[in-house]
Amino acid sequence: MATTYTAIAEVTLGSAAANIEFTSIPQTFTDLVLKISARNASTGGVGIRCQLRFNGAANDNNLSFRRLYGDGSSTGSDTGSTGHVAWMPDGSATANGFSNIEVYIPNYAGSTNKSFSADGVMENNATQAYMGLFADLWSDTSAITSIKIFAENGQNLVQHSSATLYGIKNS
């Protein structure tokens, strides 16, 4: 069987905004792929966690992750209880650099807990820059009907941050 990708929606910010959100996701595909290129408006660090929430959730309840990462000088692994899928550069990182993130969500319309994976890199022309592989779990049996992308610190995503949501079907 051949796998086909269909673009469901694309958002490119014309000005800074708190998040990018996809709503009314059709339930007609097998899996979802989300491609993100983002930068955060805050300063004082180098990278900020890029996070996801599903179906309008107000908090990170029912979300967890396991990650493998490198930051330019060390590597490691750890776990957490958020929808962390990668890092995005902030205002202290190299000017005009954005993250490159891909999130794969299998069986998003099914009635079981939703596992998803992500890989991402944060551009920065300095010693510290982040890259990571993530295994995430949303412990909820609801079908995913909306996805919100945001920075963990609540600061805006900058102009030109973008995301594209694809549906995958086996044909």
N, C-alpha and C. Protein backbone atom coordinates (compact mmCIF):
# COMPACT_ATOMS: atom_id res chain seq x y z
N MET A 1 0.83 -1.18 0.00
CA MET A 1 0.00 0.00 0.00
C MET A 1 0.87 1.24 0.00
N ALA A 2 0.47 2.20 -0.77
CA ALA A 2 1.16 3.49 -0.78
C ALA A 2 0.55 4.39 0.28
N THR A 3 1.38 5.17 0.92
CA THR A 3 0.91 6.14 1.90
C THR A 3 0.82 7.49 1.23
N THR A 4 -0.29 8.18 1.45
CA THR A 4 -0.46 9.50 0.83
C THR A 4 -0.63 10.57 1.91
N TYR A 5 0.03 11.69 1.70
CA TYR A 5 -0.08 12.85 2.59
C TYR A 5 -1.02 13.85 1.92
N THR A 6 -1.94 14.39 2.72
CA THR A 6 -2.83 15.44 2.24
C THR A 6 -2.73 16.63 3.19
N ALA A 7 -2.42 17.80 2.66
CA ALA A 7 -2.36 18.99 3.52
C ALA A 7 -3.78 19.32 3.97
N ILE A 8 -3.97 19.36 5.28
CA ILE A 8 -5.28 19.71 5.86
C ILE A 8 -5.36 21.22 6.05
N ALA A 9 -4.31 21.80 6.63
CA ALA A 9 -4.31 23.24 6.89
C ALA A 9 -2.88 23.72 7.10
N GLU A 10 -2.65 25.00 6.80
CA GLU A 10 -1.36 25.63 7.01
C GLU A 10 -1.58 27.01 7.63
N VAL A 11 -0.76 27.34 8.62
CA VAL A 11 -0.84 28.65 9.27
C VAL A 11 0.55 29.27 9.26
N THR A 12 0.67 30.50 8.77
CA THR A 12 1.88 31.30 8.89
C THR A 12 1.48 32.60 9.56
N LEU A 13 2.11 32.90 10.68
CA LEU A 13 1.73 34.09 11.44
C LEU A 13 2.15 35.37 10.72
N GLY A 14 1.20 36.27 10.50
CA GLY A 14 1.48 37.57 9.91
C GLY A 14 1.97 38.57 10.94
N SER A 15 1.75 38.26 12.20
CA SER A 15 2.25 39.05 13.33
C SER A 15 2.37 38.11 14.52
N ALA A 16 3.05 38.55 15.56
CA ALA A 16 3.25 37.71 16.74
C ALA A 16 1.90 37.26 17.31
N ALA A 17 1.86 36.03 17.83
CA ALA A 17 0.63 35.48 18.40
C ALA A 17 0.97 34.49 19.51
N ALA A 18 0.03 34.27 20.39
CA ALA A 18 0.24 33.38 21.54
C ALA A 18 0.38 31.92 21.11
N ASN A 19 -0.24 31.53 19.99
CA ASN A 19 -0.18 30.13 19.59
C ASN A 19 -0.61 30.00 18.13
N ILE A 20 -0.44 28.81 17.64
CA ILE A 20 -1.00 28.38 16.37
C ILE A 20 -1.94 27.24 16.71
N GLU A 21 -3.15 27.31 16.16
CA GLU A 21 -4.12 26.27 16.50
C GLU A 21 -4.83 25.76 15.25
N PHE A 22 -4.97 24.43 15.20
CA PHE A 22 -5.75 23.77 14.16
C PHE A 22 -7.00 23.23 14.82
N THR A 23 -8.16 23.60 14.29
CA THR A 23 -9.43 23.15 14.85
C THR A 23 -10.21 22.38 13.80
N SER A 24 -11.23 21.69 14.23
CA SER A 24 -12.11 20.92 13.33
C SER A 24 -11.30 19.98 12.43
N ILE A 25 -10.36 19.25 13.03
CA ILE A 25 -9.54 18.31 12.26
C ILE A 25 -10.44 17.18 11.78
N PRO A 26 -10.48 16.92 10.48
CA PRO A 26 -11.34 15.84 9.97
C PRO A 26 -10.88 14.49 10.51
N GLN A 27 -11.82 13.59 10.70
CA GLN A 27 -11.53 12.28 11.27
C GLN A 27 -11.43 11.21 10.19
N THR A 28 -11.04 11.59 8.99
CA THR A 28 -11.05 10.71 7.82
C THR A 28 -9.68 10.14 7.46
N PHE A 29 -8.66 10.44 8.24
CA PHE A 29 -7.32 9.97 7.93
C PHE A 29 -6.89 8.89 8.92
N THR A 30 -5.82 8.19 8.60
CA THR A 30 -5.26 7.18 9.50
C THR A 30 -4.40 7.84 10.57
N ASP A 31 -3.51 8.75 10.16
CA ASP A 31 -2.55 9.39 11.04
C ASP A 31 -2.44 10.87 10.69
N LEU A 32 -1.76 11.62 11.55
CA LEU A 32 -1.47 13.03 11.30
C LEU A 32 0.03 13.27 11.36
N VAL A 33 0.50 14.23 10.56
CA VAL A 33 1.87 14.73 10.64
C VAL A 33 1.78 16.24 10.75
N LEU A 34 2.53 16.78 11.69
CA LEU A 34 2.55 18.22 11.94
C LEU A 34 3.98 18.70 11.74
N LYS A 35 4.17 19.67 10.86
CA LYS A 35 5.49 20.26 10.63
C LYS A 35 5.46 21.69 11.14
N ILE A 36 6.43 22.03 11.98
CA ILE A 36 6.44 23.32 12.68
C ILE A 36 7.77 24.02 12.43
N SER A 37 7.71 25.31 12.15
CA SER A 37 8.88 26.18 12.11
C SER A 37 8.52 27.40 12.96
N ALA A 38 9.16 27.53 14.12
CA ALA A 38 8.73 28.57 15.06
C ALA A 38 9.89 29.21 15.78
N ARG A 39 9.62 30.40 16.29
CA ARG A 39 10.57 31.15 17.12
C ARG A 39 9.75 31.88 18.18
N ASN A 40 10.33 32.04 19.37
CA ASN A 40 9.65 32.66 20.50
C ASN A 40 10.15 34.07 20.71
N ALA A 41 9.29 34.97 21.18
CA ALA A 41 9.62 36.38 21.34
C ALA A 41 10.39 36.70 22.62
N SER A 42 10.49 35.77 23.56
CA SER A 42 11.15 36.08 24.83
C SER A 42 12.66 36.23 24.66
N THR A 43 13.32 36.76 25.67
CA THR A 43 14.78 36.87 25.69
C THR A 43 15.29 36.36 27.03
N GLY A 44 16.57 36.17 27.12
CA GLY A 44 17.17 35.76 28.38
C GLY A 44 17.64 34.33 28.40
N GLY A 45 17.22 33.54 27.43
CA GLY A 45 17.69 32.16 27.32
C GLY A 45 18.21 31.97 25.92
N VAL A 46 18.17 30.76 25.46
CA VAL A 46 18.50 30.48 24.06
C VAL A 46 17.36 29.72 23.42
N GLY A 47 16.81 28.76 24.15
CA GLY A 47 15.72 27.95 23.62
C GLY A 47 14.58 27.82 24.60
N ILE A 48 13.39 27.74 24.07
CA ILE A 48 12.15 27.59 24.84
C ILE A 48 11.45 26.32 24.35
N ARG A 49 10.85 25.58 25.27
CA ARG A 49 10.13 24.37 24.88
C ARG A 49 8.92 24.70 24.01
N CYS A 50 8.80 23.97 22.93
CA CYS A 50 7.61 24.01 22.08
C CYS A 50 6.69 22.90 22.57
N GLN A 51 5.43 23.24 22.84
CA GLN A 51 4.50 22.27 23.40
C GLN A 51 3.22 22.18 22.59
N LEU A 52 2.52 21.05 22.75
CA LEU A 52 1.23 20.81 22.11
C LEU A 52 0.18 20.54 23.18
N ARG A 53 -1.04 20.91 22.89
CA ARG A 53 -2.21 20.48 23.67
C ARG A 53 -3.30 20.10 22.68
N PHE A 54 -4.12 19.16 23.10
CA PHE A 54 -5.18 18.65 22.23
C PHE A 54 -6.56 19.02 22.73
N ASN A 55 -7.48 19.19 21.80
CA ASN A 55 -8.91 19.34 22.08
C ASN A 55 -9.24 20.44 23.07
N GLY A 56 -8.50 21.54 23.03
CA GLY A 56 -8.80 22.69 23.87
C GLY A 56 -8.47 22.51 25.33
N ALA A 57 -7.64 21.53 25.68
CA ALA A 57 -7.27 21.31 27.08
C ALA A 57 -6.63 22.57 27.66
N ALA A 58 -6.97 22.88 28.90
CA ALA A 58 -6.46 24.08 29.56
C ALA A 58 -5.15 23.83 30.30
N ASN A 59 -4.75 22.56 30.44
CA ASN A 59 -3.51 22.25 31.16
C ASN A 59 -2.86 21.01 30.56
N ASP A 60 -1.74 20.61 31.15
CA ASP A 60 -0.97 19.47 30.65
C ASP A 60 -1.39 18.14 31.27
N ASN A 61 -2.50 18.11 31.98
CA ASN A 61 -2.96 16.84 32.54
C ASN A 61 -3.05 15.81 31.43
N ASN A 62 -2.67 14.61 31.72
CA ASN A 62 -2.74 13.48 30.79
C ASN A 62 -1.67 13.50 29.70
N LEU A 63 -0.68 14.40 29.79
CA LEU A 63 0.41 14.42 28.82
C LEU A 63 1.72 14.05 29.50
N SER A 64 2.57 13.30 28.78
CA SER A 64 3.90 12.97 29.31
C SER A 64 4.84 12.75 28.14
N PHE A 65 6.15 12.84 28.42
CA PHE A 65 7.14 12.62 27.37
C PHE A 65 8.38 11.92 27.91
N ARG A 66 9.10 11.31 27.01
CA ARG A 66 10.44 10.78 27.23
C ARG A 66 11.27 11.36 26.10
N ARG A 67 12.44 11.93 26.41
CA ARG A 67 13.24 12.54 25.36
C ARG A 67 14.70 12.14 25.44
N LEU A 68 15.33 12.15 24.29
CA LEU A 68 16.78 12.05 24.13
C LEU A 68 17.18 13.37 23.52
N TYR A 69 18.23 14.01 24.04
CA TYR A 69 18.54 15.35 23.55
C TYR A 69 20.04 15.62 23.57
N GLY A 70 20.41 16.63 22.82
CA GLY A 70 21.76 17.19 22.83
C GLY A 70 21.63 18.69 22.83
N ASP A 71 22.58 19.39 23.48
CA ASP A 71 22.48 20.86 23.57
C ASP A 71 23.74 21.56 23.08
N GLY A 72 24.59 20.88 22.35
CA GLY A 72 25.81 21.49 21.84
C GLY A 72 27.03 21.14 22.66
N SER A 73 26.83 20.77 23.94
CA SER A 73 27.97 20.40 24.77
C SER A 73 27.73 19.11 25.55
N SER A 74 26.51 18.65 25.63
CA SER A 74 26.22 17.41 26.36
C SER A 74 25.00 16.73 25.75
N THR A 75 24.78 15.50 26.17
CA THR A 75 23.61 14.75 25.75
C THR A 75 22.93 14.20 26.98
N GLY A 76 21.69 13.78 26.84
CA GLY A 76 20.99 13.21 27.98
C GLY A 76 19.64 12.67 27.59
N SER A 77 18.93 12.19 28.60
CA SER A 77 17.56 11.74 28.43
C SER A 77 16.82 12.01 29.72
N ASP A 78 15.53 12.24 29.61
CA ASP A 78 14.72 12.47 30.80
C ASP A 78 13.25 12.31 30.45
N THR A 79 12.41 12.52 31.44
CA THR A 79 10.97 12.42 31.26
C THR A 79 10.31 13.66 31.83
N GLY A 80 9.06 13.88 31.48
CA GLY A 80 8.32 15.01 32.01
C GLY A 80 6.83 14.84 31.81
N SER A 81 6.07 15.76 32.32
CA SER A 81 4.61 15.65 32.26
C SER A 81 4.01 16.85 31.52
N THR A 82 4.46 17.07 30.30
CA THR A 82 3.90 18.09 29.42
C THR A 82 3.85 17.52 28.01
N GLY A 83 3.33 18.29 27.08
CA GLY A 83 3.32 17.91 25.67
C GLY A 83 4.52 18.47 24.95
N HIS A 84 5.70 18.39 25.56
CA HIS A 84 6.94 18.92 24.99
C HIS A 84 7.32 18.12 23.75
N VAL A 85 7.53 18.83 22.62
CA VAL A 85 7.89 18.15 21.38
C VAL A 85 9.20 18.64 20.77
N ALA A 86 9.80 19.68 21.28
CA ALA A 86 11.09 20.18 20.79
C ALA A 86 11.36 21.53 21.44
N TRP A 87 12.41 22.20 20.97
CA TRP A 87 12.72 23.55 21.42
C TRP A 87 12.59 24.50 20.24
N MET A 88 12.33 25.75 20.55
CA MET A 88 12.35 26.80 19.53
C MET A 88 13.29 27.90 20.02
N PRO A 89 14.00 28.58 19.12
CA PRO A 89 14.89 29.65 19.56
C PRO A 89 14.09 30.83 20.11
N ASP A 90 14.74 31.58 21.01
CA ASP A 90 14.12 32.82 21.48
C ASP A 90 14.97 34.00 21.03
N GLY A 91 14.66 35.19 21.51
CA GLY A 91 15.32 36.40 21.07
C GLY A 91 16.80 36.47 21.39
N SER A 92 17.31 35.58 22.25
CA SER A 92 18.73 35.56 22.57
C SER A 92 19.52 34.65 21.64
N ALA A 93 18.83 33.86 20.84
CA ALA A 93 19.50 32.99 19.87
C ALA A 93 19.83 33.80 18.62
N THR A 94 20.56 33.19 17.70
CA THR A 94 20.94 33.85 16.46
C THR A 94 19.71 34.45 15.77
N ALA A 95 19.83 35.69 15.33
CA ALA A 95 18.71 36.40 14.70
C ALA A 95 18.13 35.62 13.54
N ASN A 96 16.82 35.63 13.44
CA ASN A 96 16.07 35.07 12.33
C ASN A 96 16.17 33.55 12.19
N GLY A 97 16.65 32.86 13.22
CA GLY A 97 16.68 31.40 13.20
C GLY A 97 15.37 30.84 13.72
N PHE A 98 14.91 29.76 13.13
CA PHE A 98 13.66 29.11 13.52
C PHE A 98 13.93 27.64 13.81
N SER A 99 13.01 27.01 14.51
CA SER A 99 13.10 25.58 14.76
C SER A 99 12.58 24.81 13.55
N ASN A 100 12.94 23.55 13.49
CA ASN A 100 12.41 22.62 12.49
C ASN A 100 11.93 21.40 13.26
N ILE A 101 10.62 21.19 13.29
CA ILE A 101 10.02 20.15 14.12
C ILE A 101 9.04 19.34 13.29
N GLU A 102 9.06 18.01 13.47
CA GLU A 102 8.05 17.15 12.86
C GLU A 102 7.45 16.28 13.95
N VAL A 103 6.12 16.25 14.00
CA VAL A 103 5.38 15.45 14.97
C VAL A 103 4.54 14.43 14.20
N TYR A 104 4.61 13.18 14.60
CA TYR A 104 3.83 12.11 13.96
C TYR A 104 2.83 11.57 14.97
N ILE A 105 1.54 11.60 14.62
CA ILE A 105 0.47 11.17 15.52
C ILE A 105 -0.30 10.04 14.85
N PRO A 106 0.00 8.78 15.19
CA PRO A 106 -0.74 7.66 14.60
C PRO A 106 -2.10 7.49 15.28
N ASN A 107 -3.04 6.94 14.56
CA ASN A 107 -4.35 6.56 15.11
C ASN A 107 -5.01 7.67 15.92
N TYR A 108 -4.94 8.89 15.41
CA TYR A 108 -5.46 10.06 16.14
C TYR A 108 -6.97 10.04 16.34
N ALA A 109 -7.69 9.31 15.49
CA ALA A 109 -9.14 9.27 15.59
C ALA A 109 -9.64 8.04 16.35
N GLY A 110 -8.72 7.20 16.79
CA GLY A 110 -9.10 5.98 17.50
C GLY A 110 -9.59 6.23 18.91
N SER A 111 -10.00 5.17 19.58
CA SER A 111 -10.57 5.28 20.92
C SER A 111 -9.62 4.76 22.00
N THR A 112 -8.31 4.83 21.73
CA THR A 112 -7.30 4.45 22.72
C THR A 112 -6.44 5.66 23.06
N ASN A 113 -5.58 5.55 24.09
CA ASN A 113 -4.64 6.63 24.40
C ASN A 113 -3.81 6.93 23.16
N LYS A 114 -3.37 8.17 23.01
CA LYS A 114 -2.66 8.61 21.81
C LYS A 114 -1.16 8.76 22.07
N SER A 115 -0.38 7.89 21.47
CA SER A 115 1.07 8.08 21.50
C SER A 115 1.45 8.91 20.29
N PHE A 116 2.51 9.71 20.43
CA PHE A 116 3.00 10.46 19.28
C PHE A 116 4.49 10.68 19.46
N SER A 117 5.18 10.90 18.36
CA SER A 117 6.63 11.09 18.40
C SER A 117 6.98 12.39 17.71
N ALA A 118 8.13 12.93 18.08
CA ALA A 118 8.58 14.18 17.49
C ALA A 118 10.10 14.19 17.40
N ASP A 119 10.59 14.89 16.40
CA ASP A 119 12.01 15.20 16.35
C ASP A 119 12.15 16.65 15.92
N GLY A 120 13.15 17.31 16.49
CA GLY A 120 13.30 18.72 16.18
C GLY A 120 14.68 19.23 16.46
N VAL A 121 15.01 20.30 15.78
CA VAL A 121 16.26 21.01 16.00
C VAL A 121 15.96 22.49 16.12
N MET A 122 16.75 23.16 16.91
CA MET A 122 16.64 24.60 17.10
C MET A 122 17.90 25.23 16.54
N GLU A 123 17.76 26.09 15.56
CA GLU A 123 18.94 26.71 14.96
C GLU A 123 19.51 27.79 15.86
N ASN A 124 20.84 27.80 15.95
CA ASN A 124 21.55 28.82 16.71
C ASN A 124 23.02 28.72 16.33
N ASN A 125 23.62 29.78 15.84
CA ASN A 125 25.02 29.77 15.44
C ASN A 125 25.92 30.07 16.63
N ALA A 126 25.80 29.25 17.65
CA ALA A 126 26.60 29.40 18.86
C ALA A 126 26.78 28.01 19.46
N THR A 127 27.45 27.95 20.58
CA THR A 127 27.71 26.66 21.22
C THR A 127 26.43 25.95 21.61
N GLN A 128 25.47 26.68 22.17
CA GLN A 128 24.27 26.04 22.66
C GLN A 128 23.15 26.09 21.63
N ALA A 129 22.73 24.92 21.20
CA ALA A 129 21.58 24.75 20.32
C ALA A 129 21.01 23.37 20.63
N TYR A 130 19.72 23.23 20.61
CA TYR A 130 19.09 21.98 21.04
C TYR A 130 18.59 21.15 19.87
N MET A 131 18.69 19.83 20.06
CA MET A 131 18.06 18.87 19.17
C MET A 131 17.56 17.72 20.02
N GLY A 132 16.48 17.10 19.58
CA GLY A 132 15.95 16.02 20.39
C GLY A 132 14.99 15.11 19.66
N LEU A 133 14.84 13.92 20.22
CA LEU A 133 13.84 12.95 19.79
C LEU A 133 12.90 12.74 20.98
N PHE A 134 11.61 12.73 20.73
CA PHE A 134 10.61 12.68 21.79
C PHE A 134 9.61 11.56 21.55
N ALA A 135 9.26 10.86 22.61
CA ALA A 135 8.15 9.92 22.61
C ALA A 135 7.14 10.48 23.60
N ASP A 136 5.96 10.84 23.13
CA ASP A 136 4.94 11.47 23.97
C ASP A 136 3.71 10.59 24.07
N LEU A 137 2.94 10.83 25.13
CA LEU A 137 1.68 10.12 25.33
C LEU A 137 0.63 11.08 25.84
N TRP A 138 -0.53 11.06 25.18
CA TRP A 138 -1.71 11.75 25.68
C TRP A 138 -2.63 10.67 26.20
N SER A 139 -2.77 10.56 27.51
CA SER A 139 -3.58 9.52 28.14
C SER A 139 -5.05 9.92 28.12
N ASP A 140 -5.62 9.87 26.94
CA ASP A 140 -7.02 10.22 26.74
C ASP A 140 -7.52 9.41 25.54
N THR A 141 -8.70 8.89 25.62
CA THR A 141 -9.23 8.04 24.55
C THR A 141 -10.06 8.82 23.53
N SER A 142 -10.19 10.13 23.69
CA SER A 142 -10.94 10.95 22.74
C SER A 142 -10.18 11.07 21.42
N ALA A 143 -10.92 11.16 20.34
CA ALA A 143 -10.30 11.45 19.04
C ALA A 143 -9.74 12.87 19.09
N ILE A 144 -8.61 13.09 18.44
CA ILE A 144 -8.02 14.43 18.40
C ILE A 144 -8.75 15.26 17.35
N THR A 145 -9.36 16.35 17.79
CA THR A 145 -10.11 17.23 16.88
C THR A 145 -9.48 18.61 16.76
N SER A 146 -8.55 18.95 17.67
CA SER A 146 -7.84 20.22 17.57
C SER A 146 -6.46 20.08 18.21
N ILE A 147 -5.51 20.88 17.71
CA ILE A 147 -4.13 20.89 18.20
C ILE A 147 -3.70 22.33 18.37
N LYS A 148 -3.17 22.65 19.55
CA LYS A 148 -2.62 23.98 19.80
C LYS A 148 -1.11 23.87 20.00
N ILE A 149 -0.36 24.74 19.33
CA ILE A 149 1.10 24.81 19.41
C ILE A 149 1.45 26.11 20.13
N PHE A 150 2.30 26.04 21.16
CA PHE A 150 2.62 27.23 21.93
C PHE A 150 3.97 27.06 22.63
N ALA A 151 4.51 28.17 23.17
CA ALA A 151 5.75 28.15 23.94
C ALA A 151 5.41 27.96 25.41
N GLU A 152 6.22 27.16 26.11
CA GLU A 152 5.92 26.86 27.51
C GLU A 152 5.92 28.09 28.41
N ASN A 153 6.63 29.14 28.04
CA ASN A 153 6.72 30.32 28.90
C ASN A 153 5.59 31.31 28.68
N GLY A 154 4.67 31.00 27.79
CA GLY A 154 3.52 31.88 27.55
C GLY A 154 3.81 33.08 26.67
N GLN A 155 5.06 33.24 26.24
CA GLN A 155 5.41 34.35 25.34
C GLN A 155 4.94 34.04 23.92
N ASN A 156 4.77 35.08 23.14
CA ASN A 156 4.29 34.93 21.78
C ASN A 156 5.26 34.21 20.87
N LEU A 157 4.70 33.55 19.87
CA LEU A 157 5.47 33.08 18.73
C LEU A 157 5.63 34.29 17.81
N VAL A 158 6.78 34.42 17.17
CA VAL A 158 7.05 35.60 16.37
C VAL A 158 6.41 35.50 14.98
N GLN A 159 6.34 36.65 14.31
CA GLN A 159 5.88 36.70 12.92
C GLN A 159 6.67 35.70 12.08
N HIS A 160 6.02 35.06 11.15
CA HIS A 160 6.57 34.07 10.22
C HIS A 160 6.71 32.68 10.83
N SER A 161 6.40 32.50 12.12
CA SER A 161 6.30 31.14 12.65
C SER A 161 5.19 30.46 11.87
N SER A 162 5.37 29.16 11.57
CA SER A 162 4.39 28.49 10.74
C SER A 162 4.23 27.03 11.14
N ALA A 163 3.11 26.46 10.74
CA ALA A 163 2.86 25.04 10.95
C ALA A 163 1.94 24.55 9.84
N THR A 164 2.17 23.32 9.43
CA THR A 164 1.33 22.67 8.44
C THR A 164 0.89 21.33 8.99
N LEU A 165 -0.40 21.04 8.90
CA LEU A 165 -0.96 19.78 9.37
C LEU A 165 -1.33 18.93 8.16
N TYR A 166 -0.82 17.70 8.15
CA TYR A 166 -1.09 16.76 7.07
C TYR A 166 -1.87 15.56 7.61
N GLY A 167 -2.79 15.05 6.80
CA GLY A 167 -3.45 13.79 7.09
C GLY A 167 -2.81 12.71 6.25
N ILE A 168 -2.72 11.51 6.80
CA ILE A 168 -2.11 10.38 6.09
C ILE A 168 -3.17 9.30 5.93
N LYS A 169 -3.24 8.76 4.72
CA LYS A 169 -4.12 7.62 4.42
C LYS A 169 -3.29 6.55 3.76
N ASN A 170 -3.60 5.31 4.09
CA ASN A 170 -3.05 4.19 3.34
C ASN A 170 -3.97 3.95 2.16
N SER A 171 -3.40 3.88 0.96
CA SER A 171 -4.27 3.69 -0.21
C SER A 171 -3.93 2.39 -0.91
